[in-house]
Full PDB file with SEQRES, HELIX, SHEET, SSBOND, CRYST1, ORIGX, SCALE, CONECT and MASTER records, all heavy atoms in Angstrom:
SEQRES   1 A   36  ILE VAL PRO VAL LEU VAL PHE ALA ILE VAL PRO SER LEU          
SEQRES   2 A   36  ALA GLY TRP ALA LEU LEU ALA ALA LEU GLU ARG PHE ALA          
SEQRES   3 A   36  ALA ALA ARG ALA ARG THR VAL TRP THR VAL                      
HELIX    1 AA1 VAL A    2  PHE A   25  1                                  24    
HELIX    2 AA2 ALA A   27  ARG A   29  5                                   3    
HELIX    3 AA3 ALA A   30  THR A   35  1                                   6    
CRYST1    1.000    1.000    1.000  90.00  90.00  90.00 P 1           1          
ORIGX1      1.000000  0.000000  0.000000        0.00000                         
ORIGX2      0.000000  1.000000  0.000000        0.00000                         
ORIGX3      0.000000  0.000000  1.000000        0.00000                         
SCALE1      1.000000  0.000000  0.000000        0.00000                         
SCALE2      0.000000  1.000000  0.000000        0.00000                         
SCALE3      0.000000  0.000000  1.000000        0.00000                         
ATOM      1  N   ILE A   1     -25.256  14.229  15.366  1.00  0.00           N  
ATOM      2  CA  ILE A   1     -23.810  14.109  15.377  1.00  0.00           C  
ATOM      3  C   ILE A   1     -23.236  13.731  14.018  1.00  0.00           C  
ATOM      4  O   ILE A   1     -22.079  14.103  13.692  1.00  0.00           O  
ATOM      5  CB  ILE A   1     -23.395  13.141  16.501  1.00  0.00           C  
ATOM      6  CG1 ILE A   1     -21.849  13.256  16.712  1.00  0.00           C  
ATOM      7  CG2 ILE A   1     -23.740  11.705  16.169  1.00  0.00           C  
ATOM      8  CD1 ILE A   1     -21.391  14.518  17.344  1.00  0.00           C  
ATOM      9  N   VAL A   2     -23.995  12.992  13.200  1.00  0.00           N  
ATOM     10  CA  VAL A   2     -23.447  12.491  11.916  1.00  0.00           C  
ATOM     11  C   VAL A   2     -23.057  13.596  11.026  1.00  0.00           C  
ATOM     12  O   VAL A   2     -21.894  13.665  10.484  1.00  0.00           O  
ATOM     13  CB  VAL A   2     -24.382  11.451  11.267  1.00  0.00           C  
ATOM     14  CG1 VAL A   2     -23.909  11.069   9.901  1.00  0.00           C  
ATOM     15  CG2 VAL A   2     -24.522  10.180  12.166  1.00  0.00           C  
ATOM     16  N   PRO A   3     -23.963  14.553  10.690  1.00  0.00           N  
ATOM     17  CA  PRO A   3     -23.543  15.650   9.843  1.00  0.00           C  
ATOM     18  C   PRO A   3     -22.456  16.543  10.427  1.00  0.00           C  
ATOM     19  O   PRO A   3     -21.631  17.090   9.707  1.00  0.00           O  
ATOM     20  CB  PRO A   3     -24.791  16.486   9.573  1.00  0.00           C  
ATOM     21  CG  PRO A   3     -25.864  15.937  10.492  1.00  0.00           C  
ATOM     22  CD  PRO A   3     -25.403  14.602  10.981  1.00  0.00           C  
ATOM     23  N   VAL A   4     -22.464  16.632  11.746  1.00  0.00           N  
ATOM     24  CA  VAL A   4     -21.356  17.353  12.453  1.00  0.00           C  
ATOM     25  C   VAL A   4     -20.044  16.748  12.081  1.00  0.00           C  
ATOM     26  O   VAL A   4     -19.083  17.435  11.686  1.00  0.00           O  
ATOM     27  CB  VAL A   4     -21.615  17.520  13.906  1.00  0.00           C  
ATOM     28  CG1 VAL A   4     -20.425  18.023  14.624  1.00  0.00           C  
ATOM     29  CG2 VAL A   4     -22.871  18.323  14.201  1.00  0.00           C  
ATOM     30  N   LEU A   5     -19.948  15.410  12.215  1.00  0.00           N  
ATOM     31  CA  LEU A   5     -18.708  14.680  11.925  1.00  0.00           C  
ATOM     32  C   LEU A   5     -18.320  14.745  10.456  1.00  0.00           C  
ATOM     33  O   LEU A   5     -17.246  15.140  10.123  1.00  0.00           O  
ATOM     34  CB  LEU A   5     -18.857  13.237  12.372  1.00  0.00           C  
ATOM     35  CG  LEU A   5     -18.886  12.974  13.862  1.00  0.00           C  
ATOM     36  CD1 LEU A   5     -19.257  11.500  14.126  1.00  0.00           C  
ATOM     37  CD2 LEU A   5     -17.608  13.314  14.565  1.00  0.00           C  
ATOM     38  N   VAL A   6     -19.305  14.547   9.615  1.00  0.00           N  
ATOM     39  CA  VAL A   6     -19.041  14.559   8.160  1.00  0.00           C  
ATOM     40  C   VAL A   6     -18.565  15.909   7.731  1.00  0.00           C  
ATOM     41  O   VAL A   6     -17.583  16.036   7.022  1.00  0.00           O  
ATOM     42  CB  VAL A   6     -20.333  14.130   7.373  1.00  0.00           C  
ATOM     43  CG1 VAL A   6     -20.095  14.460   5.853  1.00  0.00           C  
ATOM     44  CG2 VAL A   6     -20.617  12.658   7.617  1.00  0.00           C  
ATOM     45  N   PHE A   7     -19.236  16.991   8.172  1.00  0.00           N  
ATOM     46  CA  PHE A   7     -18.927  18.328   7.723  1.00  0.00           C  
ATOM     47  C   PHE A   7     -17.682  18.934   8.453  1.00  0.00           C  
ATOM     48  O   PHE A   7     -17.233  20.012   8.122  1.00  0.00           O  
ATOM     49  CB  PHE A   7     -20.117  19.350   7.840  1.00  0.00           C  
ATOM     50  CG  PHE A   7     -21.142  19.076   6.764  1.00  0.00           C  
ATOM     51  CD1 PHE A   7     -22.327  18.367   7.012  1.00  0.00           C  
ATOM     52  CD2 PHE A   7     -20.844  19.494   5.495  1.00  0.00           C  
ATOM     53  CE1 PHE A   7     -23.280  18.173   6.036  1.00  0.00           C  
ATOM     54  CE2 PHE A   7     -21.806  19.277   4.472  1.00  0.00           C  
ATOM     55  CZ  PHE A   7     -22.982  18.585   4.749  1.00  0.00           C  
ATOM     56  N   ALA A   8     -17.188  18.180   9.347  1.00  0.00           N  
ATOM     57  CA  ALA A   8     -15.848  18.561   9.991  1.00  0.00           C  
ATOM     58  C   ALA A   8     -14.700  17.686   9.319  1.00  0.00           C  
ATOM     59  O   ALA A   8     -13.666  18.235   9.013  1.00  0.00           O  
ATOM     60  CB  ALA A   8     -15.811  18.297  11.483  1.00  0.00           C  
ATOM     61  N   ILE A   9     -15.010  16.418   9.143  1.00  0.00           N  
ATOM     62  CA  ILE A   9     -13.960  15.547   8.505  1.00  0.00           C  
ATOM     63  C   ILE A   9     -13.660  15.764   7.085  1.00  0.00           C  
ATOM     64  O   ILE A   9     -12.521  15.872   6.630  1.00  0.00           O  
ATOM     65  CB  ILE A   9     -14.304  14.012   8.780  1.00  0.00           C  
ATOM     66  CG1 ILE A   9     -14.258  13.746  10.300  1.00  0.00           C  
ATOM     67  CG2 ILE A   9     -13.346  13.137   8.043  1.00  0.00           C  
ATOM     68  CD1 ILE A   9     -14.858  12.420  10.616  1.00  0.00           C  
ATOM     69  N   VAL A  10     -14.735  15.842   6.277  1.00  0.00           N  
ATOM     70  CA  VAL A  10     -14.510  15.926   4.783  1.00  0.00           C  
ATOM     71  C   VAL A  10     -13.723  17.316   4.403  1.00  0.00           C  
ATOM     72  O   VAL A  10     -12.742  17.158   3.703  1.00  0.00           O  
ATOM     73  CB  VAL A  10     -15.854  15.805   4.054  1.00  0.00           C  
ATOM     74  CG1 VAL A  10     -15.696  16.185   2.560  1.00  0.00           C  
ATOM     75  CG2 VAL A  10     -16.351  14.401   4.186  1.00  0.00           C  
ATOM     76  N   PRO A  11     -14.181  18.355   4.919  1.00  0.00           N  
ATOM     77  CA  PRO A  11     -13.353  19.607   4.566  1.00  0.00           C  
ATOM     78  C   PRO A  11     -11.952  19.532   5.103  1.00  0.00           C  
ATOM     79  O   PRO A  11     -11.013  20.123   4.545  1.00  0.00           O  
ATOM     80  CB  PRO A  11     -14.194  20.788   5.199  1.00  0.00           C  
ATOM     81  CG  PRO A  11     -15.509  20.248   5.430  1.00  0.00           C  
ATOM     82  CD  PRO A  11     -15.374  18.772   5.679  1.00  0.00           C  
ATOM     83  N   SER A  12     -11.795  18.919   6.296  1.00  0.00           N  
ATOM     84  CA  SER A  12     -10.484  18.854   6.854  1.00  0.00           C  
ATOM     85  C   SER A  12      -9.514  18.043   5.914  1.00  0.00           C  
ATOM     86  O   SER A  12      -8.395  18.466   5.682  1.00  0.00           O  
ATOM     87  CB  SER A  12     -10.593  18.118   8.246  1.00  0.00           C  
ATOM     88  OG  SER A  12     -11.287  18.899   9.184  1.00  0.00           O  
ATOM     89  N   LEU A  13     -10.042  16.830   5.471  1.00  0.00           N  
ATOM     90  CA  LEU A  13      -9.218  16.064   4.632  1.00  0.00           C  
ATOM     91  C   LEU A  13      -8.970  16.671   3.259  1.00  0.00           C  
ATOM     92  O   LEU A  13      -7.917  16.621   2.636  1.00  0.00           O  
ATOM     93  CB  LEU A  13      -9.822  14.630   4.481  1.00  0.00           C  
ATOM     94  CG  LEU A  13      -9.861  13.914   5.749  1.00  0.00           C  
ATOM     95  CD1 LEU A  13     -10.529  12.539   5.579  1.00  0.00           C  
ATOM     96  CD2 LEU A  13      -8.467  13.678   6.444  1.00  0.00           C  
ATOM     97  N   ALA A  14     -10.007  17.452   2.789  1.00  0.00           N  
ATOM     98  CA  ALA A  14      -9.866  18.144   1.496  1.00  0.00           C  
ATOM     99  C   ALA A  14      -8.783  19.276   1.618  1.00  0.00           C  
ATOM    100  O   ALA A  14      -7.978  19.478   0.760  1.00  0.00           O  
ATOM    101  CB  ALA A  14     -11.214  18.733   1.025  1.00  0.00           C  
ATOM    102  N   GLY A  15      -8.827  19.948   2.762  1.00  0.00           N  
ATOM    103  CA  GLY A  15      -7.804  21.047   3.034  1.00  0.00           C  
ATOM    104  C   GLY A  15      -6.413  20.359   3.050  1.00  0.00           C  
ATOM    105  O   GLY A  15      -5.456  21.042   2.551  1.00  0.00           O  
ATOM    106  N   TRP A  16      -6.271  19.275   3.727  1.00  0.00           N  
ATOM    107  CA  TRP A  16      -5.017  18.626   3.813  1.00  0.00           C  
ATOM    108  C   TRP A  16      -4.526  18.206   2.416  1.00  0.00           C  
ATOM    109  O   TRP A  16      -3.358  18.466   2.021  1.00  0.00           O  
ATOM    110  CB  TRP A  16      -5.120  17.406   4.692  1.00  0.00           C  
ATOM    111  CG  TRP A  16      -3.850  16.630   5.025  1.00  0.00           C  
ATOM    112  CD1 TRP A  16      -2.648  16.698   4.434  1.00  0.00           C  
ATOM    113  CD2 TRP A  16      -3.688  15.679   6.079  1.00  0.00           C  
ATOM    114  NE1 TRP A  16      -1.775  15.892   5.031  1.00  0.00           N  
ATOM    115  CE2 TRP A  16      -2.368  15.218   6.044  1.00  0.00           C  
ATOM    116  CE3 TRP A  16      -4.566  15.176   7.039  1.00  0.00           C  
ATOM    117  CZ2 TRP A  16      -1.884  14.312   6.953  1.00  0.00           C  
ATOM    118  CZ3 TRP A  16      -4.075  14.297   7.964  1.00  0.00           C  
ATOM    119  CH2 TRP A  16      -2.733  13.804   7.928  1.00  0.00           C  
ATOM    120  N   ALA A  17      -5.399  17.674   1.553  1.00  0.00           N  
ATOM    121  CA  ALA A  17      -4.984  17.228   0.258  1.00  0.00           C  
ATOM    122  C   ALA A  17      -4.608  18.429  -0.607  1.00  0.00           C  
ATOM    123  O   ALA A  17      -3.616  18.356  -1.316  1.00  0.00           O  
ATOM    124  CB  ALA A  17      -6.226  16.472  -0.405  1.00  0.00           C  
ATOM    125  N   LEU A  18      -5.338  19.523  -0.472  1.00  0.00           N  
ATOM    126  CA  LEU A  18      -4.979  20.737  -1.185  1.00  0.00           C  
ATOM    127  C   LEU A  18      -3.600  21.253  -0.790  1.00  0.00           C  
ATOM    128  O   LEU A  18      -2.732  21.566  -1.627  1.00  0.00           O  
ATOM    129  CB  LEU A  18      -6.023  21.794  -1.018  1.00  0.00           C  
ATOM    130  CG  LEU A  18      -5.660  23.193  -1.633  1.00  0.00           C  
ATOM    131  CD1 LEU A  18      -5.519  23.031  -3.209  1.00  0.00           C  
ATOM    132  CD2 LEU A  18      -6.664  24.257  -1.279  1.00  0.00           C  
ATOM    133  N   LEU A  19      -3.321  21.269   0.536  1.00  0.00           N  
ATOM    134  CA  LEU A  19      -2.000  21.814   1.002  1.00  0.00           C  
ATOM    135  C   LEU A  19      -0.950  20.849   0.496  1.00  0.00           C  
ATOM    136  O   LEU A  19       0.093  21.327  -0.019  1.00  0.00           O  
ATOM    137  CB  LEU A  19      -2.028  21.833   2.488  1.00  0.00           C  
ATOM    138  CG  LEU A  19      -0.727  22.360   3.119  1.00  0.00           C  
ATOM    139  CD1 LEU A  19      -0.332  23.644   2.597  1.00  0.00           C  
ATOM    140  CD2 LEU A  19      -0.853  22.408   4.645  1.00  0.00           C  
ATOM    141  N   ALA A  20      -1.171  19.518   0.514  1.00  0.00           N  
ATOM    142  CA  ALA A  20      -0.136  18.593   0.062  1.00  0.00           C  
ATOM    143  C   ALA A  20       0.152  18.847  -1.417  1.00  0.00           C  
ATOM    144  O   ALA A  20       1.254  18.819  -1.910  1.00  0.00           O  
ATOM    145  CB  ALA A  20      -0.532  17.197   0.317  1.00  0.00           C  
ATOM    146  N   ALA A  21      -0.932  19.016  -2.257  1.00  0.00           N  
ATOM    147  CA  ALA A  21      -0.753  19.229  -3.651  1.00  0.00           C  
ATOM    148  C   ALA A  21      -0.021  20.553  -3.877  1.00  0.00           C  
ATOM    149  O   ALA A  21       0.934  20.607  -4.793  1.00  0.00           O  
ATOM    150  CB  ALA A  21      -2.153  19.258  -4.329  1.00  0.00           C  
ATOM    151  N   LEU A  22      -0.352  21.571  -3.129  1.00  0.00           N  
ATOM    152  CA  LEU A  22       0.307  22.854  -3.330  1.00  0.00           C  
ATOM    153  C   LEU A  22       1.746  22.746  -2.970  1.00  0.00           C  
ATOM    154  O   LEU A  22       2.616  23.326  -3.624  1.00  0.00           O  
ATOM    155  CB  LEU A  22      -0.366  23.962  -2.489  1.00  0.00           C  
ATOM    156  CG  LEU A  22      -1.680  24.457  -2.964  1.00  0.00           C  
ATOM    157  CD1 LEU A  22      -2.406  25.313  -1.938  1.00  0.00           C  
ATOM    158  CD2 LEU A  22      -1.503  25.267  -4.290  1.00  0.00           C  
ATOM    159  N   GLU A  23       2.088  21.997  -1.869  1.00  0.00           N  
ATOM    160  CA  GLU A  23       3.540  21.836  -1.527  1.00  0.00           C  
ATOM    161  C   GLU A  23       4.281  21.090  -2.650  1.00  0.00           C  
ATOM    162  O   GLU A  23       5.505  21.296  -2.761  1.00  0.00           O  
ATOM    163  CB  GLU A  23       3.571  21.103  -0.226  1.00  0.00           C  
ATOM    164  CG  GLU A  23       3.223  21.966   0.957  1.00  0.00           C  
ATOM    165  CD  GLU A  23       3.196  21.234   2.270  1.00  0.00           C  
ATOM    166  OE1 GLU A  23       2.953  20.005   2.320  1.00  0.00           O  
ATOM    167  OE2 GLU A  23       3.338  21.879   3.276  1.00  0.00           O  
ATOM    168  N   ARG A  24       3.590  20.229  -3.303  1.00  0.00           N  
ATOM    169  CA  ARG A  24       4.362  19.436  -4.344  1.00  0.00           C  
ATOM    170  C   ARG A  24       4.471  20.306  -5.655  1.00  0.00           C  
ATOM    171  O   ARG A  24       5.533  20.174  -6.245  1.00  0.00           O  
ATOM    172  CB  ARG A  24       3.494  18.205  -4.650  1.00  0.00           C  
ATOM    173  CG  ARG A  24       4.138  17.386  -5.667  1.00  0.00           C  
ATOM    174  CD  ARG A  24       3.542  15.991  -5.770  1.00  0.00           C  
ATOM    175  NE  ARG A  24       4.317  15.232  -6.796  1.00  0.00           N  
ATOM    176  CZ  ARG A  24       4.400  13.979  -6.791  1.00  0.00           C  
ATOM    177  NH1 ARG A  24       3.817  13.327  -5.929  1.00  0.00           N  
ATOM    178  NH2 ARG A  24       5.140  13.421  -7.771  1.00  0.00           N  
ATOM    179  N   PHE A  25       3.457  21.054  -6.013  1.00  0.00           N  
ATOM    180  CA  PHE A  25       3.463  21.693  -7.301  1.00  0.00           C  
ATOM    181  C   PHE A  25       3.719  23.178  -7.247  1.00  0.00           C  
ATOM    182  O   PHE A  25       4.004  23.771  -8.297  1.00  0.00           O  
ATOM    183  CB  PHE A  25       2.152  21.404  -8.043  1.00  0.00           C  
ATOM    184  CG  PHE A  25       1.964  19.958  -8.353  1.00  0.00           C  
ATOM    185  CD1 PHE A  25       0.962  19.276  -7.662  1.00  0.00           C  
ATOM    186  CD2 PHE A  25       2.788  19.251  -9.217  1.00  0.00           C  
ATOM    187  CE1 PHE A  25       0.756  17.885  -7.925  1.00  0.00           C  
ATOM    188  CE2 PHE A  25       2.557  17.905  -9.393  1.00  0.00           C  
ATOM    189  CZ  PHE A  25       1.602  17.216  -8.778  1.00  0.00           C  
ATOM    190  N   ALA A  26       3.631  23.865  -6.126  1.00  0.00           N  
ATOM    191  CA  ALA A  26       3.905  25.242  -5.979  1.00  0.00           C  
ATOM    192  C   ALA A  26       4.440  25.550  -4.594  1.00  0.00           C  
ATOM    193  O   ALA A  26       3.992  26.300  -3.819  1.00  0.00           O  
ATOM    194  CB  ALA A  26       2.558  26.015  -6.085  1.00  0.00           C  
ATOM    195  N   ALA A  27       5.577  24.797  -4.313  1.00  0.00           N  
ATOM    196  CA  ALA A  27       6.128  24.732  -2.994  1.00  0.00           C  
ATOM    197  C   ALA A  27       6.502  26.140  -2.425  1.00  0.00           C  
ATOM    198  O   ALA A  27       6.261  26.410  -1.228  1.00  0.00           O  
ATOM    199  CB  ALA A  27       7.425  23.924  -3.009  1.00  0.00           C  
ATOM    200  N   ALA A  28       6.969  27.025  -3.251  1.00  0.00           N  
ATOM    201  CA  ALA A  28       7.394  28.338  -2.771  1.00  0.00           C  
ATOM    202  C   ALA A  28       6.194  29.169  -2.213  1.00  0.00           C  
ATOM    203  O   ALA A  28       6.431  29.999  -1.316  1.00  0.00           O  
ATOM    204  CB  ALA A  28       8.109  29.118  -3.871  1.00  0.00           C  
ATOM    205  N   ARG A  29       5.046  28.950  -2.724  1.00  0.00           N  
ATOM    206  CA  ARG A  29       3.890  29.754  -2.311  1.00  0.00           C  
ATOM    207  C   ARG A  29       2.793  28.894  -1.659  1.00  0.00           C  
ATOM    208  O   ARG A  29       1.613  29.392  -1.450  1.00  0.00           O  
ATOM    209  CB  ARG A  29       3.313  30.495  -3.539  1.00  0.00           C  
ATOM    210  CG  ARG A  29       4.385  31.368  -4.197  1.00  0.00           C  
ATOM    211  CD  ARG A  29       3.793  32.247  -5.218  1.00  0.00           C  
ATOM    212  NE  ARG A  29       2.933  33.186  -4.579  1.00  0.00           N  
ATOM    213  CZ  ARG A  29       3.225  34.429  -4.294  1.00  0.00           C  
ATOM    214  NH1 ARG A  29       4.526  34.803  -4.318  1.00  0.00           N  
ATOM    215  NH2 ARG A  29       2.340  35.350  -3.758  1.00  0.00           N  
ATOM    216  N   ALA A  30       3.105  27.666  -1.308  1.00  0.00           N  
ATOM    217  CA  ALA A  30       2.030  26.778  -0.901  1.00  0.00           C  
ATOM    218  C   ALA A  30       1.331  27.283   0.393  1.00  0.00           C  
ATOM    219  O   ALA A  30       0.116  27.251   0.514  1.00  0.00           O  
ATOM    220  CB  ALA A  30       2.615  25.414  -0.529  1.00  0.00           C  
ATOM    221  N   ARG A  31       2.134  27.777   1.341  1.00  0.00           N  
ATOM    222  CA  ARG A  31       1.502  28.241   2.646  1.00  0.00           C  
ATOM    223  C   ARG A  31       0.621  29.424   2.371  1.00  0.00           C  
ATOM    224  O   ARG A  31      -0.561  29.496   2.862  1.00  0.00           O  
ATOM    225  CB  ARG A  31       2.593  28.647   3.658  1.00  0.00           C  
ATOM    226  CG  ARG A  31       1.988  29.249   4.901  1.00  0.00           C  
ATOM    227  CD  ARG A  31       2.998  29.676   5.872  1.00  0.00           C  
ATOM    228  NE  ARG A  31       3.403  28.508   6.618  1.00  0.00           N  
ATOM    229  CZ  ARG A  31       4.705  28.086   6.823  1.00  0.00           C  
ATOM    230  NH1 ARG A  31       5.651  28.819   6.270  1.00  0.00           N  
ATOM    231  NH2 ARG A  31       4.938  27.060   7.546  1.00  0.00           N  
ATOM    232  N   THR A  32       1.032  30.373   1.585  1.00  0.00           N  
ATOM    233  CA  THR A  32       0.255  31.575   1.292  1.00  0.00           C  
ATOM    234  C   THR A  32      -1.005  31.270   0.529  1.00  0.00           C  
ATOM    235  O   THR A  32      -2.122  31.726   0.936  1.00  0.00           O  
ATOM    236  CB  THR A  32       1.087  32.561   0.563  1.00  0.00           C  
ATOM    237  OG1 THR A  32       2.332  32.845   1.288  1.00  0.00           O  
ATOM    238  CG2 THR A  32       0.306  33.899   0.249  1.00  0.00           C  
ATOM    239  N   VAL A  33      -0.853  30.509  -0.562  1.00  0.00           N  
ATOM    240  CA  VAL A  33      -2.003  30.166  -1.360  1.00  0.00           C  
ATOM    241  C   VAL A  33      -3.004  29.383  -0.547  1.00  0.00           C  
ATOM    242  O   VAL A  33      -4.215  29.628  -0.567  1.00  0.00           O  
ATOM    243  CB  VAL A  33      -1.603  29.387  -2.640  1.00  0.00           C  
ATOM    244  CG1 VAL A  33      -2.812  28.853  -3.369  1.00  0.00           C  
ATOM    245  CG2 VAL A  33      -0.719  30.301  -3.592  1.00  0.00           C  
ATOM    246  N   TRP A  34      -2.588  28.322   0.183  1.00  0.00           N  
ATOM    247  CA  TRP A  34      -3.452  27.538   0.930  1.00  0.00           C  
ATOM    248  C   TRP A  34      -4.227  28.413   1.990  1.00  0.00           C  
ATOM    249  O   TRP A  34      -5.423  28.211   2.221  1.00  0.00           O  
ATOM    250  CB  TRP A  34      -2.716  26.425   1.671  1.00  0.00           C  
ATOM    251  CG  TRP A  34      -3.699  25.508   2.369  1.00  0.00           C  
ATOM    252  CD1 TRP A  34      -4.347  24.433   1.812  1.00  0.00           C  
ATOM    253  CD2 TRP A  34      -4.239  25.654   3.678  1.00  0.00           C  
ATOM    254  NE1 TRP A  34      -5.209  23.928   2.711  1.00  0.00           N  
ATOM    255  CE2 TRP A  34      -5.164  24.646   3.871  1.00  0.00           C  
ATOM    256  CE3 TRP A  34      -3.948  26.529   4.712  1.00  0.00           C  
ATOM    257  CZ2 TRP A  34      -5.863  24.453   5.067  1.00  0.00           C  
ATOM    258  CZ3 TRP A  34      -4.644  26.424   5.915  1.00  0.00           C  
ATOM    259  CH2 TRP A  34      -5.580  25.445   6.054  1.00  0.00           C  
ATOM    260  N   THR A  35      -3.472  29.293   2.664  1.00  0.00           N  
ATOM    261  CA  THR A  35      -4.168  30.139   3.656  1.00  0.00           C  
ATOM    262  C   THR A  35      -5.204  31.014   3.078  1.00  0.00           C  
ATOM    263  O   THR A  35      -6.328  31.094   3.586  1.00  0.00           O  
ATOM    264  CB  THR A  35      -3.115  30.938   4.419  1.00  0.00           C  
ATOM    265  OG1 THR A  35      -2.128  30.105   4.966  1.00  0.00           O  
ATOM    266  CG2 THR A  35      -3.744  31.784   5.573  1.00  0.00           C  
ATOM    267  N   VAL A  36      -4.967  31.615   1.897  1.00  0.00           N  
ATOM    268  CA  VAL A  36      -5.964  32.445   1.258  1.00  0.00           C  
ATOM    269  C   VAL A  36      -7.213  31.649   0.841  1.00  0.00           C  
ATOM    270  O   VAL A  36      -8.293  32.003   1.143  1.00  0.00           O  
ATOM    271  CB  VAL A  36      -5.298  33.159   0.038  1.00  0.00           C  
ATOM    272  CG1 VAL A  36      -6.401  33.814  -0.778  1.00  0.00           C  
ATOM    273  CG2 VAL A  36      -4.314  34.209   0.493  1.00  0.00           C  
TER     274      VAL A  36                                                      
MASTER        0    0    0    3    0    0    0    6  273    1    0    3          
END                                                                             
């Protein structure tokens, strides 16, 4: 269960951080860039 939790939580939080950064610095294309 430990690696399952780690490999679900860490990429989730990294994705959230990337989306927040994109919304701050490239707001017009944040959704598209993040999805790609």
